[in-house]
Amino acid sequence: MIDSIGNVNNIIDYNNIKGKSQEAKQGEFEKVLEEAMKEKDEKKLRKACSDLEAIFVSMMFKQMRNTVQKAGLFDGGLAEEMYEDMLYDKYAEEVSKNKGMGLGDLLYRQLSKSMKMKREGEDAE
């Protein structure tokens, strides 16, 4: 939409899209976690835990970025913000691979204990 001065207004509400994206990622984690626990699949469980760690690290990076004041001279606006979000998501994926920060591994160990206890309880019946 173009206003009377000739400026183009942003039709897309980027912050709304970011919020929906985070909700989808979190909902996807819950779905994969439930599926892994139901199927007693340790590979899926490890992947779900790694994905949760990536979401956490991404949120941490973005909050850290928000503490840095922009000078305004090189402010790229919406395009820069979108690129930085994608960049920090990729950084978070890389950090959470293998051992990562340890959060995913800690969560995996706790949930796999629970899964093993369920499996042993079902085998006893």
Protein backbone atom coordinates (compact mmCIF):
# COMPACT_ATOMS: atom_id res chain seq x y z
CA MET A 1 0.00 0.00 0.00
CA ILE A 2 1.33 3.47 -0.89
CA ASP A 3 0.48 6.48 1.27
CA SER A 4 -0.05 10.07 0.08
CA ILE A 5 3.68 10.90 0.31
CA GLY A 6 4.60 7.95 -1.88
CA ASN A 7 6.15 5.73 0.81
CA VAL A 8 5.48 2.02 0.69
CA ASN A 9 4.05 0.67 3.93
CA ASN A 10 5.07 -2.78 5.08
CA ILE A 11 2.16 -5.12 4.56
CA ILE A 12 3.88 -8.00 6.31
CA ASP A 13 4.11 -7.77 10.07
CA TYR A 14 7.53 -9.35 10.55
CA ASN A 15 7.28 -9.59 14.34
CA ASN A 16 4.02 -11.52 14.01
CA ILE A 17 5.69 -13.93 11.58
CA LYS A 18 8.63 -14.44 13.96
CA GLY A 19 6.24 -15.25 16.81
CA LYS A 20 4.32 -17.75 14.69
CA SER A 21 7.60 -19.35 13.60
CA GLN A 22 8.68 -19.85 17.23
CA GLU A 23 5.28 -21.34 18.10
CA ALA A 24 5.57 -23.75 15.17
CA LYS A 25 9.06 -24.83 16.21
CA GLN A 26 7.94 -25.43 19.78
CA GLY A 27 4.83 -27.29 18.66
CA GLU A 28 6.94 -29.39 16.33
CA PHE A 29 9.25 -30.28 19.23
CA GLU A 30 6.33 -31.44 21.33
CA LYS A 31 4.99 -33.56 18.47
CA VAL A 32 8.37 -35.21 17.76
CA LEU A 33 8.95 -35.78 21.48
CA GLU A 34 5.58 -37.47 21.96
CA GLU A 35 6.18 -39.62 18.88
CA ALA A 36 9.65 -40.65 20.08
CA MET A 37 8.37 -41.55 23.55
CA LYS A 38 5.45 -43.51 22.11
CA GLU A 39 7.64 -45.43 19.68
CA LYS A 40 10.49 -45.67 22.19
CA ASP A 41 12.85 -44.46 19.46
CA GLU A 42 16.08 -43.14 20.98
CA LYS A 43 17.29 -41.56 17.72
CA LYS A 44 14.12 -39.47 17.43
CA LEU A 45 14.40 -38.57 21.11
CA ARG A 46 18.00 -37.39 20.68
CA LYS A 47 16.98 -35.34 17.60
CA ALA A 48 14.08 -33.74 19.49
CA CYS A 49 16.36 -32.82 22.39
CA SER A 50 18.94 -31.37 20.02
CA ASP A 51 16.21 -29.34 18.29
CA LEU A 52 15.00 -27.97 21.63
CA GLU A 53 18.53 -26.93 22.50
CA ALA A 54 18.77 -25.17 19.11
CA ILE A 55 15.54 -23.26 19.84
CA PHE A 56 16.88 -22.23 23.25
CA VAL A 57 20.27 -21.15 21.88
CA SER A 58 18.60 -19.21 19.06
CA MET A 59 16.42 -17.34 21.54
CA MET A 60 19.50 -16.61 23.65
CA PHE A 61 21.44 -15.25 20.65
CA LYS A 62 18.53 -13.04 19.62
CA GLN A 63 18.16 -11.63 23.13
CA MET A 64 21.89 -10.94 23.22
CA ARG A 65 21.60 -9.14 19.88
CA ASN A 66 18.81 -6.97 21.26
CA THR A 67 21.16 -5.61 23.93
CA VAL A 68 23.47 -4.09 21.29
CA GLN A 69 22.47 -0.59 20.25
CA LYS A 70 22.46 0.12 16.55
CA ALA A 71 24.25 3.25 15.37
CA GLY A 72 21.74 3.99 12.63
CA LEU A 73 24.43 4.66 10.05
CA PHE A 74 24.40 1.10 8.73
CA ASP A 75 20.93 0.07 9.82
CA GLY A 76 19.61 -2.33 7.18
CA GLY A 77 16.05 -2.26 8.46
CA LEU A 78 13.69 -5.18 8.01
CA ALA A 79 15.91 -7.06 5.54
CA GLU A 80 18.86 -6.97 7.93
CA GLU A 81 16.70 -8.11 10.82
CA MET A 82 15.35 -11.06 8.81
CA TYR A 83 18.85 -12.05 7.70
CA GLU A 84 20.19 -11.84 11.27
CA ASP A 85 17.34 -14.02 12.52
CA MET A 86 18.13 -16.67 9.93
CA LEU A 87 21.85 -16.39 10.68
CA TYR A 88 21.32 -16.84 14.43
CA ASP A 89 19.01 -19.81 13.79
CA LYS A 90 21.79 -21.43 11.74
CA TYR A 91 24.38 -20.63 14.44
CA ALA A 92 22.07 -22.24 17.01
CA GLU A 93 21.74 -25.40 14.87
CA GLU A 94 25.52 -25.65 14.60
CA VAL A 95 26.03 -25.08 18.34
CA SER A 96 23.49 -27.75 19.24
CA LYS A 97 25.07 -30.41 17.01
CA ASN A 98 27.07 -33.13 18.74
CA LYS A 99 27.61 -32.09 22.36
CA GLY A 100 26.50 -28.47 21.95
CA MET A 101 26.08 -26.63 25.22
CA GLY A 102 25.04 -29.82 26.96
CA LEU A 103 21.41 -28.87 27.45
CA GLY A 104 20.16 -31.27 24.76
CA ASP A 105 22.30 -34.11 26.11
CA LEU A 106 21.10 -33.49 29.66
CA LEU A 107 17.48 -33.47 28.52
CA TYR A 108 18.06 -36.62 26.44
CA ARG A 109 19.54 -38.52 29.39
CA GLN A 110 16.61 -37.56 31.62
CA LEU A 111 13.95 -38.44 29.05
CA SER A 112 15.66 -41.68 28.00
CA LYS A 113 15.61 -42.80 31.66
CA SER A 114 11.89 -42.16 31.70
CA MET A 115 11.47 -44.02 28.41
CA LYS A 116 13.47 -47.02 29.71
CA MET A 117 11.40 -47.12 32.90
CA LYS A 118 8.20 -47.17 30.81
CA ARG A 119 9.63 -49.90 28.61
CA GLU A 120 10.63 -52.03 31.62
CA GLY A 121 7.18 -51.50 33.15
CA GLU A 122 5.49 -52.69 29.95
CA ASP A 123 7.82 -55.68 29.67
CA ALA A 124 7.01 -56.74 33.25
CA GLU A 125 3.30 -56.85 32.47
